[in-house]
Amino acid sequence: MSKHSKASSYPTYMKYRDRIEIISVMLRSASRVNGACKTRIMHEAFLSLSQLKQYFPLLLRNGLLEYDVVMKTYKITVKGSHLLELSVSFSHMIDTNRQENTIKIQV
């Protein structure tokens, strides 16, 4: 069996993601105990290099990520953790509202 025929963890298609969703995935990736390198963040967030170059300065400039010189990784800041928590809460609220507004038809 070749390595290409194995089941992949990558999605078969990508839906449109807004900026907050992309930023949330990047922050979640950097929230590991030792942080994460740019490549790991890029892969976990399914970003191209050009997208990474667009988002990274934004996160650093706004104090959501910081660079750990010793570990050579990026770590989430307290401000970034707070934004991630708000994003998760907001996402849960929207999903709950979406489920409540769904009409179920029994056949």
N, C-alpha and C. Protein backbone atom coordinates (compact mmCIF):
# COMPACT_ATOMS: atom_id res chain seq x y z
N MET A 1 0.85 -1.18 0.00
CA MET A 1 0.00 0.00 0.00
C MET A 1 0.89 1.24 0.00
N SER A 2 0.68 2.14 -0.93
CA SER A 2 1.50 3.34 -0.99
C SER A 2 1.06 4.34 0.07
N LYS A 3 1.95 5.28 0.35
CA LYS A 3 1.63 6.27 1.38
C LYS A 3 0.48 7.19 0.95
N HIS A 4 0.22 7.29 -0.32
CA HIS A 4 -0.85 8.16 -0.81
C HIS A 4 -2.23 7.52 -0.71
N SER A 5 -2.29 6.21 -0.58
CA SER A 5 -3.59 5.55 -0.54
C SER A 5 -4.13 5.42 0.88
N LYS A 6 -3.35 5.83 1.89
CA LYS A 6 -3.82 5.77 3.26
C LYS A 6 -4.85 6.87 3.49
N ALA A 7 -5.69 6.64 4.48
CA ALA A 7 -6.68 7.66 4.82
C ALA A 7 -5.96 8.90 5.32
N SER A 8 -6.38 10.04 4.85
CA SER A 8 -5.74 11.29 5.23
C SER A 8 -6.56 12.03 6.26
N SER A 9 -5.87 12.78 7.11
CA SER A 9 -6.57 13.59 8.10
C SER A 9 -6.98 14.94 7.51
N TYR A 10 -6.57 15.22 6.29
CA TYR A 10 -6.92 16.48 5.65
C TYR A 10 -8.35 16.40 5.11
N PRO A 11 -9.08 17.50 5.20
CA PRO A 11 -10.43 17.49 4.65
C PRO A 11 -10.39 17.36 3.13
N THR A 12 -11.42 16.78 2.57
CA THR A 12 -11.45 16.62 1.12
C THR A 12 -11.85 17.92 0.42
N TYR A 13 -12.43 18.84 1.15
CA TYR A 13 -12.75 20.15 0.60
C TYR A 13 -12.68 21.16 1.74
N MET A 14 -12.51 22.42 1.38
CA MET A 14 -12.44 23.47 2.39
C MET A 14 -13.62 24.41 2.19
N LYS A 15 -14.32 24.68 3.26
CA LYS A 15 -15.40 25.66 3.19
C LYS A 15 -14.79 27.04 3.41
N TYR A 16 -15.54 28.05 3.08
CA TYR A 16 -15.08 29.41 3.32
C TYR A 16 -14.92 29.64 4.82
N ARG A 17 -13.78 30.19 5.22
CA ARG A 17 -13.54 30.50 6.63
C ARG A 17 -13.31 32.00 6.76
N ASP A 18 -13.95 32.60 7.74
CA ASP A 18 -13.72 34.02 7.95
C ASP A 18 -12.43 34.23 8.74
N ARG A 19 -12.03 35.48 8.87
CA ARG A 19 -10.76 35.81 9.53
C ARG A 19 -10.71 35.31 10.96
N ILE A 20 -11.82 35.46 11.68
CA ILE A 20 -11.85 35.03 13.09
C ILE A 20 -11.63 33.53 13.20
N GLU A 21 -12.21 32.75 12.32
CA GLU A 21 -12.04 31.31 12.37
C GLU A 21 -10.59 30.92 12.10
N ILE A 22 -9.97 31.56 11.13
CA ILE A 22 -8.58 31.29 10.81
C ILE A 22 -7.67 31.68 11.98
N ILE A 23 -7.91 32.85 12.53
CA ILE A 23 -7.13 33.32 13.67
C ILE A 23 -7.31 32.40 14.87
N SER A 24 -8.51 31.93 15.10
CA SER A 24 -8.78 31.02 16.22
C SER A 24 -7.99 29.72 16.07
N VAL A 25 -7.95 29.17 14.87
CA VAL A 25 -7.20 27.93 14.65
C VAL A 25 -5.70 28.18 14.86
N MET A 26 -5.22 29.32 14.40
CA MET A 26 -3.81 29.65 14.60
C MET A 26 -3.49 29.79 16.09
N LEU A 27 -4.36 30.46 16.83
CA LEU A 27 -4.14 30.62 18.28
C LEU A 27 -4.21 29.29 19.01
N ARG A 28 -5.15 28.45 18.61
CA ARG A 28 -5.28 27.12 19.23
C ARG A 28 -3.99 26.31 19.01
N SER A 29 -3.44 26.41 17.83
CA SER A 29 -2.20 25.70 17.52
C SER A 29 -1.05 26.21 18.39
N ALA A 30 -0.99 27.50 18.61
CA ALA A 30 0.09 28.11 19.40
C ALA A 30 -0.13 27.95 20.90
N SER A 31 -1.28 27.42 21.31
CA SER A 31 -1.57 27.28 22.73
C SER A 31 -1.00 26.01 23.34
N ARG A 32 -0.24 25.25 22.57
CA ARG A 32 0.44 24.07 23.11
C ARG A 32 1.40 24.51 24.21
N VAL A 33 1.75 23.59 25.08
CA VAL A 33 2.63 23.90 26.21
C VAL A 33 3.93 24.58 25.76
N ASN A 34 4.56 24.04 24.74
CA ASN A 34 5.83 24.60 24.26
C ASN A 34 5.65 25.53 23.07
N GLY A 35 4.41 25.89 22.75
CA GLY A 35 4.16 26.73 21.60
C GLY A 35 4.22 25.92 20.31
N ALA A 36 4.35 26.61 19.20
CA ALA A 36 4.40 25.94 17.90
C ALA A 36 5.23 26.77 16.93
N CYS A 37 5.90 26.09 16.02
CA CYS A 37 6.66 26.80 14.99
C CYS A 37 5.68 27.26 13.90
N LYS A 38 6.16 28.15 13.05
CA LYS A 38 5.31 28.68 11.98
C LYS A 38 4.76 27.57 11.09
N THR A 39 5.60 26.58 10.80
CA THR A 39 5.18 25.51 9.90
C THR A 39 4.02 24.72 10.50
N ARG A 40 4.10 24.39 11.80
CA ARG A 40 3.02 23.65 12.44
C ARG A 40 1.73 24.47 12.42
N ILE A 41 1.84 25.74 12.73
CA ILE A 41 0.65 26.61 12.73
C ILE A 41 0.05 26.66 11.33
N MET A 42 0.90 26.80 10.33
CA MET A 42 0.45 26.87 8.93
C MET A 42 -0.28 25.58 8.54
N HIS A 43 0.28 24.43 8.90
CA HIS A 43 -0.32 23.14 8.54
C HIS A 43 -1.63 22.91 9.29
N GLU A 44 -1.65 23.19 10.59
CA GLU A 44 -2.87 22.95 11.37
C GLU A 44 -4.00 23.88 10.98
N ALA A 45 -3.67 25.06 10.50
CA ALA A 45 -4.68 26.03 10.08
C ALA A 45 -5.01 25.92 8.59
N PHE A 46 -4.33 24.99 7.88
CA PHE A 46 -4.52 24.82 6.44
C PHE A 46 -4.33 26.14 5.69
N LEU A 47 -3.20 26.80 5.94
CA LEU A 47 -2.90 28.08 5.32
C LEU A 47 -1.81 27.93 4.27
N SER A 48 -1.88 28.75 3.27
CA SER A 48 -0.78 28.84 2.31
C SER A 48 0.28 29.75 2.93
N LEU A 49 1.45 29.77 2.33
CA LEU A 49 2.51 30.63 2.84
C LEU A 49 2.11 32.10 2.75
N SER A 50 1.44 32.48 1.68
CA SER A 50 1.02 33.88 1.54
C SER A 50 -0.02 34.26 2.61
N GLN A 51 -0.92 33.34 2.95
CA GLN A 51 -1.89 33.61 4.02
C GLN A 51 -1.18 33.72 5.36
N LEU A 52 -0.21 32.84 5.60
CA LEU A 52 0.55 32.89 6.84
C LEU A 52 1.25 34.24 6.98
N LYS A 53 1.84 34.70 5.88
CA LYS A 53 2.53 36.00 5.89
C LYS A 53 1.56 37.15 6.12
N GLN A 54 0.31 36.97 5.78
CA GLN A 54 -0.71 38.00 6.00
C GLN A 54 -1.16 38.02 7.46
N TYR A 55 -1.38 36.85 8.05
CA TYR A 55 -1.94 36.77 9.39
C TYR A 55 -0.92 36.90 10.51
N PHE A 56 0.30 36.40 10.33
CA PHE A 56 1.28 36.40 11.41
C PHE A 56 1.60 37.80 11.92
N PRO A 57 1.91 38.76 11.05
CA PRO A 57 2.18 40.11 11.56
C PRO A 57 0.99 40.70 12.33
N LEU A 58 -0.21 40.40 11.88
CA LEU A 58 -1.42 40.87 12.55
C LEU A 58 -1.49 40.35 13.99
N LEU A 59 -1.23 39.04 14.16
CA LEU A 59 -1.29 38.43 15.49
C LEU A 59 -0.18 38.93 16.39
N LEU A 60 1.01 39.11 15.85
CA LEU A 60 2.13 39.61 16.64
C LEU A 60 1.93 41.08 17.01
N ARG A 61 1.53 41.89 16.05
CA ARG A 61 1.34 43.33 16.26
C ARG A 61 0.27 43.61 17.31
N ASN A 62 -0.76 42.75 17.34
CA ASN A 62 -1.86 42.96 18.29
C ASN A 62 -1.66 42.22 19.61
N GLY A 63 -0.50 41.62 19.80
CA GLY A 63 -0.18 40.99 21.07
C GLY A 63 -0.94 39.70 21.35
N LEU A 64 -1.34 39.00 20.30
CA LEU A 64 -2.05 37.74 20.46
C LEU A 64 -1.09 36.55 20.47
N LEU A 65 0.06 36.72 19.83
CA LEU A 65 1.13 35.72 19.82
C LEU A 65 2.42 36.41 20.23
N GLU A 66 3.34 35.61 20.80
CA GLU A 66 4.67 36.12 21.11
C GLU A 66 5.69 35.06 20.72
N TYR A 67 6.89 35.52 20.41
CA TYR A 67 7.95 34.59 20.01
C TYR A 67 8.78 34.23 21.22
N ASP A 68 8.97 32.93 21.45
CA ASP A 68 9.82 32.43 22.53
C ASP A 68 11.19 32.19 21.92
N VAL A 69 12.17 33.04 22.26
CA VAL A 69 13.50 32.98 21.68
C VAL A 69 14.21 31.69 22.07
N VAL A 70 14.03 31.24 23.31
CA VAL A 70 14.71 30.03 23.79
C VAL A 70 14.19 28.79 23.05
N MET A 71 12.87 28.62 23.00
CA MET A 71 12.27 27.44 22.35
C MET A 71 12.16 27.61 20.83
N LYS A 72 12.31 28.84 20.36
CA LYS A 72 12.16 29.17 18.93
C LYS A 72 10.78 28.78 18.41
N THR A 73 9.77 29.10 19.22
CA THR A 73 8.38 28.83 18.86
C THR A 73 7.53 30.06 19.17
N TYR A 74 6.33 30.04 18.66
CA TYR A 74 5.36 31.09 18.93
C TYR A 74 4.37 30.57 19.96
N LYS A 75 4.07 31.42 20.94
CA LYS A 75 3.14 31.02 22.01
C LYS A 75 1.99 32.02 22.07
N ILE A 76 0.87 31.51 22.49
CA ILE A 76 -0.30 32.37 22.65
C ILE A 76 -0.10 33.23 23.91
N THR A 77 -0.54 34.47 23.86
CA THR A 77 -0.45 35.36 25.02
C THR A 77 -1.75 35.30 25.81
N VAL A 78 -1.78 35.99 26.94
CA VAL A 78 -3.01 36.07 27.75
C VAL A 78 -4.11 36.71 26.92
N LYS A 79 -3.76 37.76 26.20
CA LYS A 79 -4.73 38.44 25.33
C LYS A 79 -5.24 37.49 24.23
N GLY A 80 -4.33 36.70 23.67
CA GLY A 80 -4.71 35.73 22.65
C GLY A 80 -5.60 34.64 23.21
N SER A 81 -5.31 34.19 24.44
CA SER A 81 -6.14 33.18 25.10
C SER A 81 -7.55 33.70 25.34
N HIS A 82 -7.63 34.96 25.73
CA HIS A 82 -8.94 35.57 25.97
C HIS A 82 -9.75 35.64 24.67
N LEU A 83 -9.10 36.05 23.58
CA LEU A 83 -9.79 36.11 22.29
C LEU A 83 -10.24 34.72 21.85
N LEU A 84 -9.40 33.71 22.07
CA LEU A 84 -9.74 32.34 21.70
C LEU A 84 -10.96 31.86 22.50
N GLU A 85 -10.99 32.14 23.79
CA GLU A 85 -12.14 31.76 24.62
C GLU A 85 -13.42 32.43 24.13
N LEU A 86 -13.33 33.72 23.81
CA LEU A 86 -14.50 34.44 23.30
C LEU A 86 -14.97 33.86 21.97
N SER A 87 -14.03 33.50 21.12
CA SER A 87 -14.36 32.93 19.82
C SER A 87 -15.08 31.59 19.98
N VAL A 88 -14.59 30.75 20.89
CA VAL A 88 -15.21 29.45 21.13
C VAL A 88 -16.62 29.64 21.70
N SER A 89 -16.77 30.56 22.66
CA SER A 89 -18.09 30.82 23.25
C SER A 89 -19.06 31.32 22.19
N PHE A 90 -18.61 32.23 21.35
CA PHE A 90 -19.45 32.78 20.30
C PHE A 90 -19.86 31.70 19.31
N SER A 91 -18.91 30.83 18.96
CA SER A 91 -19.20 29.74 18.04
C SER A 91 -20.25 28.79 18.61
N HIS A 92 -20.15 28.49 19.91
CA HIS A 92 -21.13 27.62 20.56
C HIS A 92 -22.51 28.28 20.57
N MET A 93 -22.55 29.59 20.81
CA MET A 93 -23.84 30.30 20.82
C MET A 93 -24.49 30.23 19.45
N ILE A 94 -23.73 30.42 18.41
CA ILE A 94 -24.28 30.40 17.05
C ILE A 94 -24.76 29.00 16.70
N ASP A 95 -23.97 27.97 17.05
CA ASP A 95 -24.37 26.59 16.77
C ASP A 95 -25.65 26.23 17.51
N THR A 96 -25.78 26.68 18.76
CA THR A 96 -26.99 26.42 19.54
C THR A 96 -28.19 27.09 18.90
N ASN A 97 -28.04 28.34 18.49
CA ASN A 97 -29.13 29.07 17.84
C ASN A 97 -29.51 28.41 16.52
N ARG A 98 -28.53 27.93 15.80
CA ARG A 98 -28.79 27.28 14.51
C ARG A 98 -29.60 26.00 14.72
N GLN A 99 -29.27 25.24 15.76
CA GLN A 99 -29.99 24.00 16.04
C GLN A 99 -31.42 24.28 16.49
N GLU A 100 -31.62 25.33 17.28
CA GLU A 100 -32.96 25.68 17.77
C GLU A 100 -33.85 26.15 16.65
N ASN A 101 -33.28 26.76 15.62
CA ASN A 101 -34.07 27.31 14.53
C ASN A 101 -34.28 26.32 13.39
N THR A 102 -33.79 25.10 13.55
CA THR A 102 -33.96 24.08 12.52
C THR A 102 -35.33 23.41 12.67
N ILE A 103 -36.03 23.31 11.57
CA ILE A 103 -37.33 22.64 11.58
C ILE A 103 -37.13 21.19 11.26
N LYS A 104 -37.64 20.32 12.08
CA LYS A 104 -37.51 18.88 11.86
C LYS A 104 -38.80 18.35 11.25
N ILE A 105 -38.66 17.64 10.17
CA ILE A 105 -39.80 17.06 9.47
C ILE A 105 -39.72 15.55 9.63
N GLN A 106 -40.78 14.97 10.14
CA GLN A 106 -40.80 13.52 10.28
C GLN A 106 -41.54 12.92 9.09
N VAL A 107 -40.99 11.87 8.57
CA VAL A 107 -41.61 11.21 7.40
C VAL A 107 -42.21 9.90 7.81
